[in-house]
PDB file of N, CA and C in Angstrom:
ATOM      1  N   MET A   1     115.053 112.004  60.609  1.00  0.00           N
ATOM      2  CA  MET A   1     114.866 110.624  61.030  1.00  0.00           C
ATOM      3  C   MET A   1     116.206 109.864  60.823  1.00  0.00           C
ATOM      4  N   PHE A   2     116.887 110.078  59.713  1.00  0.00           N
ATOM      5  CA  PHE A   2     118.117 109.371  59.491  1.00  0.00           C
ATOM      6  C   PHE A   2     119.159 109.745  60.443  1.00  0.00           C
ATOM      7  N   ARG A   3     119.312 110.993  60.860  1.00  0.00           N
ATOM      8  CA  ARG A   3     120.329 111.384  61.873  1.00  0.00           C
ATOM      9  C   ARG A   3     119.953 110.715  63.189  1.00  0.00           C
ATOM     10  N   GLY A   4     118.698 110.543  63.555  1.00  0.00           N
ATOM     11  CA  GLY A   4     118.272 109.894  64.817  1.00  0.00           C
ATOM     12  C   GLY A   4     118.655 108.454  64.809  1.00  0.00           C
ATOM     13  N   SER A   5     118.583 107.841  63.656  1.00  0.00           N
ATOM     14  CA  SER A   5     118.934 106.420  63.534  1.00  0.00           C
ATOM     15  C   SER A   5     120.532 106.224  63.661  1.00  0.00           C
ATOM     16  N   ILE A   6     121.222 107.145  63.102  1.00  0.00           N
ATOM     17  CA  ILE A   6     122.725 107.034  63.229  1.00  0.00           C
ATOM     18  C   ILE A   6     123.087 107.369  64.740  1.00  0.00           C
ATOM     19  N   PHE A   7     122.472 108.267  65.337  1.00  0.00           N
ATOM     20  CA  PHE A   7     122.742 108.574  66.733  1.00  0.00           C
ATOM     21  C   PHE A   7     122.436 107.362  67.535  1.00  0.00           C
ATOM     22  N   THR A   8     121.310 106.779  67.379  1.00  0.00           N
ATOM     23  CA  THR A   8     120.897 105.535  68.135  1.00  0.00           C
ATOM     24  C   THR A   8     121.927 104.492  67.954  1.00  0.00           C
ATOM     25  N   LEU A   9     122.328 104.205  66.667  1.00  0.00           N
ATOM     26  CA  LEU A   9     123.281 103.126  66.366  1.00  0.00           C
ATOM     27  C   LEU A   9     124.600 103.501  67.111  1.00  0.00           C
ATOM     28  N   GLY A  10     125.063 104.679  66.992  1.00  0.00           N
ATOM     29  CA  GLY A  10     126.307 105.133  67.621  1.00  0.00           C
ATOM     30  C   GLY A  10     126.215 104.918  69.163  1.00  0.00           C
ATOM     31  N   PHE A  11     125.061 105.304  69.720  1.00  0.00           N
ATOM     32  CA  PHE A  11     124.940 105.170  71.152  1.00  0.00           C
ATOM     33  C   PHE A  11     124.974 103.684  71.570  1.00  0.00           C
ATOM     34  N   LEU A  12     124.321 102.830  70.782  1.00  0.00           N
ATOM     35  CA  LEU A  12     124.313 101.383  71.123  1.00  0.00           C
ATOM     36  C   LEU A  12     125.713 100.784  71.033  1.00  0.00           C
ATOM     37  N   LEU A  13     126.424 101.214  69.983  1.00  0.00           N
ATOM     38  CA  LEU A  13     127.811 100.708  69.826  1.00  0.00           C
ATOM     39  C   LEU A  13     128.687 101.190  71.004  1.00  0.00           C
ATOM     40  N   PHE A  14     128.500 102.405  71.414  1.00  0.00           N
ATOM     41  CA  PHE A  14     129.330 102.933  72.503  1.00  0.00           C
ATOM     42  C   PHE A  14     128.992 102.139  73.802  1.00  0.00           C
ATOM     43  N   CYS A  15     127.703 101.836  73.989  1.00  0.00           N
ATOM     44  CA  CYS A  15     127.313 101.125  75.259  1.00  0.00           C
ATOM     45  C   CYS A  15     127.820  99.675  75.227  1.00  0.00           C
ATOM     46  N   THR A  16     127.771  99.057  74.086  1.00  0.00           N
ATOM     47  CA  THR A  16     128.172  97.652  74.058  1.00  0.00           C
ATOM     48  C   THR A  16     129.717  97.585  73.972  1.00  0.00           C
ATOM     49  N   CYS A  17     130.440  98.589  73.557  1.00  0.00           N
ATOM     50  CA  CYS A  17     131.883  98.493  73.464  1.00  0.00           C
ATOM     51  C   CYS A  17     132.596  98.892  74.674  1.00  0.00           C
ATOM     52  N   THR A  18     131.848  99.521  75.605  1.00  0.00           N
ATOM     53  CA  THR A  18     132.483 100.029  76.827  1.00  0.00           C
ATOM     54  C   THR A  18     132.840  98.798  77.804  1.00  0.00           C
ATOM     55  N   THR A  19     134.032  98.795  78.314  1.00  0.00           N
ATOM     56  CA  THR A  19     134.348  97.629  79.102  1.00  0.00           C
ATOM     57  C   THR A  19     134.780  98.083  80.396  1.00  0.00           C
ATOM     58  N   TYR A  20     134.710  97.247  81.373  1.00  0.00           N
ATOM     59  CA  TYR A  20     134.946  97.470  82.792  1.00  0.00           C
ATOM     60  C   TYR A  20     135.958  96.470  83.319  1.00  0.00           C
ATOM     61  N   PRO A  21     136.854  96.816  84.268  1.00  0.00           N
ATOM     62  CA  PRO A  21     137.755  95.908  84.782  1.00  0.00           C
ATOM     63  C   PRO A  21     137.103  94.831  85.634  1.00  0.00           C
ATOM     64  N   LEU A  22     137.448  93.629  85.457  1.00  0.00           N
ATOM     65  CA  LEU A  22     136.848  92.534  86.286  1.00  0.00           C
ATOM     66  C   LEU A  22     137.503  92.559  87.664  1.00  0.00           C
ATOM     67  N   GLU A  23     136.610  92.552  88.644  1.00  0.00           N
ATOM     68  CA  GLU A  23     137.044  92.416  90.014  1.00  0.00           C
ATOM     69  C   GLU A  23     136.496  91.214  90.676  1.00  0.00           C
ATOM     70  N   ARG A  24     137.239  90.738  91.651  1.00  0.00           N
ATOM     71  CA  ARG A  24     136.722  89.536  92.385  1.00  0.00           C
ATOM     72  C   ARG A  24     135.469  90.044  93.183  1.00  0.00           C
ATOM     73  N   VAL A  25     134.480  89.163  93.200  1.00  0.00           N
ATOM     74  CA  VAL A  25     133.214  89.472  94.019  1.00  0.00           C
ATOM     75  C   VAL A  25     133.076  88.447  95.060  1.00  0.00           C
ATOM     76  N   ASP A  26     132.927  88.884  96.306  1.00  0.00           N
ATOM     77  CA  ASP A  26     132.666  88.048  97.442  1.00  0.00           C
ATOM     78  C   ASP A  26     131.343  88.456  98.099  1.00  0.00           C
ATOM     79  N   TRP A  27     130.918  87.570  98.990  1.00  0.00           N
ATOM     80  CA  TRP A  27     129.668  87.854  99.755  1.00  0.00           C
ATOM     81  C   TRP A  27     130.048  88.029 101.223  1.00  0.00           C
ATOM     82  N   ASN A  28     129.740  89.138 101.830  1.00  0.00           N
ATOM     83  CA  ASN A  28     130.124  89.378 103.202  1.00  0.00           C
ATOM     84  C   ASN A  28     128.993  89.033 104.184  1.00  0.00           C
ATOM     85  N   GLY A  29     127.970  88.296 103.741  1.00  0.00           N
ATOM     86  CA  GLY A  29     126.935  87.917 104.608  1.00  0.00           C
ATOM     87  C   GLY A  29     125.665  88.793 104.391  1.00  0.00           C
ATOM     88  N   GLN A  30     125.917  89.993 103.876  1.00  0.00           N
ATOM     89  CA  GLN A  30     124.744  90.947 103.633  1.00  0.00           C
ATOM     90  C   GLN A  30     124.705  91.495 102.225  1.00  0.00           C
ATOM     91  N   GLU A  31     125.830  91.599 101.604  1.00  0.00           N
ATOM     92  CA  GLU A  31     125.812  92.144 100.217  1.00  0.00           C
ATOM     93  C   GLU A  31     127.114  91.579  99.486  1.00  0.00           C
ATOM     94  N   PHE A  32     127.037  91.808  98.162  1.00  0.00           N
ATOM     95  CA  PHE A  32     128.216  91.421  97.290  1.00  0.00           C
ATOM     96  C   PHE A  32     129.217  92.622  97.400  1.00  0.00           C
ATOM     97  N   VAL A  33     130.505  92.168  97.551  1.00  0.00           N
ATOM     98  CA  VAL A  33     131.522  93.158  97.693  1.00  0.00           C
ATOM     99  C   VAL A  33     132.555  92.896  96.646  1.00  0.00           C
ATOM    100  N   GLN A  34     132.920  93.928  95.884  1.00  0.00           N
ATOM    101  CA  GLN A  34     134.015  93.800  94.812  1.00  0.00           C
ATOM    102  C   GLN A  34     135.363  94.213  95.460  1.00  0.00           C
ATOM    103  N   THR A  35     136.374  93.380  95.053  1.00  0.00           N
ATOM    104  CA  THR A  35     137.763  93.706  95.559  1.00  0.00           C
ATOM    105  C   THR A  35     138.647  93.583  94.346  1.00  0.00           C
ATOM    106  N   SER A  36     139.678  94.426  94.286  1.00  0.00           N
ATOM    107  CA  SER A  36     140.667  94.290  93.206  1.00  0.00           C
ATOM    108  C   SER A  36     141.421  93.131  93.537  1.00  0.00           C
ATOM    109  N   SER A  37     141.892  92.515  92.426  1.00  0.00           N
ATOM    110  CA  SER A  37     142.735  91.321  92.620  1.00  0.00           C
ATOM    111  C   SER A  37     143.955  91.372  91.635  1.00  0.00           C
ATOM    112  N   ASN A  38     145.090  91.386  92.261  1.00  0.00           N
ATOM    113  CA  ASN A  38     146.373  91.245  91.494  1.00  0.00           C
ATOM    114  C   ASN A  38     146.918  89.896  91.423  1.00  0.00           C
ATOM    115  N   ASP A  39     146.015  88.923  91.799  1.00  0.00           N
ATOM    116  CA  ASP A  39     146.458  87.515  91.776  1.00  0.00           C
ATOM    117  C   ASP A  39     146.385  86.964  90.408  1.00  0.00           C
ATOM    118  N   SER A  40     147.593  86.612  89.854  1.00  0.00           N
ATOM    119  CA  SER A  40     147.634  86.202  88.426  1.00  0.00           C
ATOM    120  C   SER A  40     146.985  84.747  88.270  1.00  0.00           C
ATOM    121  N   ILE A  41     147.035  83.993  89.306  1.00  0.00           N
ATOM    122  CA  ILE A  41     146.364  82.667  89.190  1.00  0.00           C
ATOM    123  C   ILE A  41     144.897  82.804  89.130  1.00  0.00           C
ATOM    124  N   TRP A  42     144.314  83.702  89.989  1.00  0.00           N
ATOM    125  CA  TRP A  42     142.877  83.969  89.950  1.00  0.00           C
ATOM    126  C   TRP A  42     142.443  84.479  88.618  1.00  0.00           C
ATOM    127  N   SER A  43     143.233  85.409  88.126  1.00  0.00           N
ATOM    128  CA  SER A  43     142.929  85.952  86.767  1.00  0.00           C
ATOM    129  C   SER A  43     142.956  84.928  85.714  1.00  0.00           C
ATOM    130  N   LYS A  44     143.946  83.985  85.657  1.00  0.00           N
ATOM    131  CA  LYS A  44     143.988  82.947  84.749  1.00  0.00           C
ATOM    132  C   LYS A  44     142.805  82.067  84.814  1.00  0.00           C
ATOM    133  N   ASN A  45     142.485  81.707  86.057  1.00  0.00           N
ATOM    134  CA  ASN A  45     141.295  80.876  86.332  1.00  0.00           C
ATOM    135  C   ASN A  45     139.967  81.508  85.902  1.00  0.00           C
ATOM    136  N   MET A  46     139.918  82.732  86.125  1.00  0.00           N
ATOM    137  CA  MET A  46     138.648  83.557  85.630  1.00  0.00           C
ATOM    138  C   MET A  46     138.524  83.480  84.139  1.00  0.00           C
ATOM    139  N   THR A  47     139.652  83.569  83.390  1.00  0.00           N
ATOM    140  CA  THR A  47     139.465  83.411  82.004  1.00  0.00           C
ATOM    141  C   THR A  47     139.012  82.111  81.565  1.00  0.00           C
ATOM    142  N   VAL A  48     139.338  81.065  82.237  1.00  0.00           N
ATOM    143  CA  VAL A  48     138.791  79.757  81.994  1.00  0.00           C
ATOM    144  C   VAL A  48     137.314  79.748  82.239  1.00  0.00           C
ATOM    145  N   VAL A  49     136.818  80.297  83.366  1.00  0.00           N
ATOM    146  CA  VAL A  49     135.437  80.385  83.650  1.00  0.00           C
ATOM    147  C   VAL A  49     134.712  81.137  82.646  1.00  0.00           C
ATOM    148  N   LEU A  50     135.214  82.251  82.353  1.00  0.00           N
ATOM    149  CA  LEU A  50     134.522  83.175  81.235  1.00  0.00           C
ATOM    150  C   LEU A  50     134.418  82.466  79.877  1.00  0.00           C
ATOM    151  N   GLU A  51     135.486  81.760  79.503  1.00  0.00           N
ATOM    152  CA  GLU A  51     135.453  81.047  78.232  1.00  0.00           C
ATOM    153  C   GLU A  51     134.431  79.879  78.277  1.00  0.00           C
ATOM    154  N   TYR A  52     134.391  79.179  79.446  1.00  0.00           N
ATOM    155  CA  TYR A  52     133.537  78.193  79.596  1.00  0.00           C
ATOM    156  C   TYR A  52     131.984  78.561  79.415  1.00  0.00           C
ATOM    157  N   TYR A  53     131.712  79.730  79.922  1.00  0.00           N
ATOM    158  CA  TYR A  53     130.306  80.230  79.830  1.00  0.00           C
ATOM    159  C   TYR A  53     130.134  81.215  78.651  1.00  0.00           C
ATOM    160  N   ASN A  54     131.112  81.203  77.779  1.00  0.00           N
ATOM    161  CA  ASN A  54     131.005  82.053  76.548  1.00  0.00           C
ATOM    162  C   ASN A  54     130.808  83.539  76.875  1.00  0.00           C
ATOM    163  N   GLU A  55     131.314  84.008  77.879  1.00  0.00           N
ATOM    164  CA  GLU A  55     131.192  85.415  78.244  1.00  0.00           C
ATOM    165  C   GLU A  55     132.342  86.286  77.521  1.00  0.00           C
ATOM    166  N   PRO A  56     131.939  87.268  76.775  1.00  0.00           N
ATOM    167  CA  PRO A  56     132.962  88.067  76.112  1.00  0.00           C
ATOM    168  C   PRO A  56     133.842  88.814  77.045  1.00  0.00           C
ATOM    169  N   PHE A  57     135.140  88.912  76.717  1.00  0.00           N
ATOM    170  CA  PHE A  57     136.097  89.592  77.573  1.00  0.00           C
ATOM    171  C   PHE A  57     137.301  89.921  76.752  1.00  0.00           C
ATOM    172  N   LYS A  58     138.108  90.834  77.187  1.00  0.00           N
ATOM    173  CA  LYS A  58     139.386  91.230  76.624  1.00  0.00           C
ATOM    174  C   LYS A  58     140.399  91.273  77.725  1.00  0.00           C
ATOM    175  N   ILE A  59     141.619  91.104  77.379  1.00  0.00           N
ATOM    176  CA  ILE A  59     142.694  91.331  78.339  1.00  0.00           C
ATOM    177  C   ILE A  59     143.499  92.457  77.789  1.00  0.00           C
ATOM    178  N   LYS A  60     143.652  93.489  78.511  1.00  0.00           N
ATOM    179  CA  LYS A  60     144.504  94.646  78.104  1.00  0.00           C
ATOM    180  C   LYS A  60     145.454  95.004  79.255  1.00  0.00           C
ATOM    181  N   GLU A  61     146.723  94.989  79.027  1.00  0.00           N
ATOM    182  CA  GLU A  61     147.701  95.241  80.008  1.00  0.00           C
ATOM    183  C   GLU A  61     147.575  94.398  81.214  1.00  0.00           C
ATOM    184  N   GLY A  62     147.208  93.132  81.098  1.00  0.00           N
ATOM    185  CA  GLY A  62     147.064  92.265  82.191  1.00  0.00           C
ATOM    186  C   GLY A  62     145.743  92.387  82.962  1.00  0.00           C
ATOM    187  N   THR A  63     144.851  93.199  82.596  1.00  0.00           N
ATOM    188  CA  THR A  63     143.595  93.351  83.202  1.00  0.00           C
ATOM    189  C   THR A  63     142.478  92.752  82.345  1.00  0.00           C
ATOM    190  N   ILE A  64     141.646  91.949  82.944  1.00  0.00           N
ATOM    191  CA  ILE A  64     140.510  91.357  82.286  1.00  0.00           C
ATOM    192  C   ILE A  64     139.440  92.435  82.162  1.00  0.00           C
ATOM    193  N   LEU A  65     138.874  92.662  80.993  1.00  0.00           N
ATOM    194  CA  LEU A  65     137.827  93.679  80.761  1.00  0.00           C
ATOM    195  C   LEU A  65     136.595  93.000  80.367  1.00  0.00           C
ATOM    196  N   ILE A  66     135.471  93.342  80.973  1.00  0.00           N
ATOM    197  CA  ILE A  66     134.159  92.673  80.748  1.00  0.00           C
ATOM    198  C   ILE A  66     133.158  93.841  80.266  1.00  0.00           C
ATOM    199  N   ASN A  67     132.037  93.279  79.673  1.00  0.00           N
ATOM    200  CA  ASN A  67     131.009  94.333  79.343  1.00  0.00           C
ATOM    201  C   ASN A  67     130.211  94.770  80.526  1.00  0.00           C
ATOM    202  N   LYS A  68     129.480  95.830  80.306  1.00  0.00           N
ATOM    203  CA  LYS A  68     128.635  96.464  81.424  1.00  0.00           C
ATOM    204  C   LYS A  68     127.578  95.503  81.937  1.00  0.00           C
ATOM    205  N   LYS A  69     126.972  94.747  81.060  1.00  0.00           N
ATOM    206  CA  LYS A  69     125.857  93.855  81.558  1.00  0.00           C
ATOM    207  C   LYS A  69     126.472  92.800  82.536  1.00  0.00           C
ATOM    208  N   LEU A  70     127.649  92.231  82.239  1.00  0.00           N
ATOM    209  CA  LEU A  70     128.223  91.271  83.219  1.00  0.00           C
ATOM    210  C   LEU A  70     128.737  92.046  84.378  1.00  0.00           C
ATOM    211  N   TYR A  71     129.363  93.101  84.182  1.00  0.00           N
ATOM    212  CA  TYR A  71     129.879  93.990  85.330  1.00  0.00           C
ATOM    213  C   TYR A  71     128.827  94.234  86.341  1.00  0.00           C
ATOM    214  N   ASN A  72     127.648  94.553  85.910  1.00  0.00           N
ATOM    215  CA  ASN A  72     126.581  94.876  86.783  1.00  0.00           C
ATOM    216  C   ASN A  72     125.814  93.682  87.457  1.00  0.00           C
ATOM    217  N   ASN A  73     126.121  92.538  87.093  1.00  0.00           N
ATOM    218  CA  ASN A  73     125.517  91.341  87.503  1.00  0.00           C
ATOM    219  C   ASN A  73     126.406  90.677  88.631  1.00  0.00           C
ATOM    220  N   LYS A  74     126.383  91.353  89.827  1.00  0.00           N
ATOM    221  CA  LYS A  74     127.225  90.950  90.948  1.00  0.00           C
ATOM    222  C   LYS A  74     126.981  89.499  91.374  1.00  0.00           C
ATOM    223  N   GLU A  75     125.783  89.032  91.337  1.00  0.00           N
ATOM    224  CA  GLU A  75     125.530  87.667  91.786  1.00  0.00           C
ATOM    225  C   GLU A  75     126.246  86.614  90.852  1.00  0.00           C
ATOM    226  N   LEU A  76     126.134  86.911  89.605  1.00  0.00           N
ATOM    227  CA  LEU A  76     126.778  85.989  88.640  1.00  0.00           C
ATOM    228  C   LEU A  76     128.303  86.089  88.747  1.00  0.00           C
ATOM    229  N   LEU A  77     128.787  87.250  88.943  1.00  0.00           N
ATOM    230  CA  LEU A  77     130.271  87.491  89.089  1.00  0.00           C
ATOM    231  C   LEU A  77     130.738  86.745  90.361  1.00  0.00           C
ATOM    232  N   TYR A  78     129.880  86.701  91.384  1.00  0.00           N
ATOM    233  CA  TYR A  78     130.192  86.031  92.685  1.00  0.00           C
ATOM    234  C   TYR A  78     130.365  84.546  92.359  1.00  0.00           C
ATOM    235  N   ASN A  79     129.387  84.049  91.654  1.00  0.00           N
ATOM    236  CA  ASN A  79     129.432  82.520  91.254  1.00  0.00           C
ATOM    237  C   ASN A  79     130.584  82.209  90.370  1.00  0.00           C
ATOM    238  N   TYR A  80     130.889  83.127  89.446  1.00  0.00           N
ATOM    239  CA  TYR A  80     132.173  82.875  88.626  1.00  0.00           C
ATOM    240  C   TYR A  80     133.351  82.970  89.517  1.00  0.00           C
ATOM    241  N   SER A  81     133.404  83.876  90.438  1.00  0.00           N
ATOM    242  CA  SER A  81     134.639  84.004  91.307  1.00  0.00           C
ATOM    243  C   SER A  81     134.767  82.727  92.148  1.00  0.00           C
ATOM    244  N   LYS A  82     133.698  82.199  92.571  1.00  0.00           N
ATOM    245  CA  LYS A  82     133.753  80.925  93.448  1.00  0.00           C
ATOM    246  C   LYS A  82     134.320  79.792  92.544  1.00  0.00           C
ATOM    247  N   LYS A  83     133.872  79.719  91.285  1.00  0.00           N
ATOM    248  CA  LYS A  83     134.354  78.725  90.421  1.00  0.00           C
ATOM    249  C   LYS A  83     135.827  78.863  90.092  1.00  0.00           C
ATOM    250  N   ALA A  84     136.306  80.169  89.970  1.00  0.00           N
ATOM    251  CA  ALA A  84     137.701  80.341  89.722  1.00  0.00           C
ATOM    252  C   ALA A  84     138.620  79.922  90.877  1.00  0.00           C
ATOM    253  N   LYS A  85     138.006  79.733  92.036  1.00  0.00           N
ATOM    254  CA  LYS A  85     138.735  79.246  93.203  1.00  0.00           C
ATOM    255  C   LYS A  85     138.596  77.725  93.431  1.00  0.00           C
ATOM    256  N   ASP A  86     137.716  77.115  92.662  1.00  0.00           N
ATOM    257  CA  ASP A  86     137.367  75.669  92.840  1.00  0.00           C
ATOM    258  C   ASP A  86     138.246  74.827  91.894  1.00  0.00           C
ATOM    259  N   SER A  87     139.258  74.215  92.474  1.00  0.00           N
ATOM    260  CA  SER A  87     140.188  73.456  91.664  1.00  0.00           C
ATOM    261  C   SER A  87     139.530  72.238  91.031  1.00  0.00           C
ATOM    262  N   VAL A  88     138.522  71.634  91.709  1.00  0.00           N
ATOM    263  CA  VAL A  88     137.860  70.520  91.106  1.00  0.00           C
ATOM    264  C   VAL A  88     137.071  70.953  89.913  1.00  0.00           C
ATOM    265  N   TRP A  89     136.319  72.045  90.047  1.00  0.00           N
ATOM    266  CA  TRP A  89     135.498  72.472  88.887  1.00  0.00           C
ATOM    267  C   TRP A  89     136.404  72.960  87.705  1.00  0.00           C
ATOM    268  N   LEU A  90     137.470  73.577  88.063  1.00  0.00           N
ATOM    269  CA  LEU A  90     138.387  73.954  86.934  1.00  0.00           C
ATOM    270  C   LEU A  90     138.949  72.697  86.197  1.00  0.00           C
ATOM    271  N   LYS A  91     139.265  71.709  86.943  1.00  0.00           N
ATOM    272  CA  LYS A  91     139.832  70.556  86.292  1.00  0.00           C
ATOM    273  C   LYS A  91     138.784  69.801  85.424  1.00  0.00           C
ATOM    274  N   GLN A  92     137.542  69.686  85.954  1.00  0.00           N
ATOM    275  CA  GLN A  92     136.496  69.083  85.210  1.00  0.00           C
ATOM    276  C   GLN A  92     136.115  69.927  84.003  1.00  0.00           C
ATOM    277  N   SER A  93     136.177  71.264  84.090  1.00  0.00           N
ATOM    278  CA  SER A  93     135.699  72.116  82.974  1.00  0.00           C
ATOM    279  C   SER A  93     136.726  71.973  81.842  1.00  0.00           C
ATOM    280  N   THR A  94     137.951  71.766  82.117  1.00  0.00           N
ATOM    281  CA  THR A  94     138.955  71.640  81.077  1.00  0.00           C
ATOM    282  C   THR A  94     138.945  70.299  80.384  1.00  0.00           C
ATOM    283  N   LEU A  95     138.299  69.361  81.024  1.00  0.00           N
ATOM    284  CA  LEU A  95     138.221  68.015  80.469  1.00  0.00           C
ATOM    285  C   LEU A  95     137.154  67.898  79.311  1.00  0.00           C
ATOM    286  N   ARG A  96     136.282  68.863  79.362  1.00  0.00           N
ATOM    287  CA  ARG A  96     135.064  68.755  78.419  1.00  0.00           C
ATOM    288  C   ARG A  96     135.551  69.322  77.053  1.00  0.00           C
TER     289      ARG A  96
END
């Protein structure tokens, strides 16, 4: 029983510590589409969005890394991506 608990704890830590590179998410009219982005302005704006919504992330070698739960939520990432391109929202979010 004790070994099973350690295994379960280890597995949960592995799952929660695994990170994925953040990619821009767009809507093509039928589905969400992820695209790589080397745009440093977009990346900077995305960190503002993620911080605003208290989303955990790391930056490693210039790449934003996010957890699996957020990575799999394409609709939410699409909304975050839209906010990262919205200069009015970005300005208002930094005033709070």
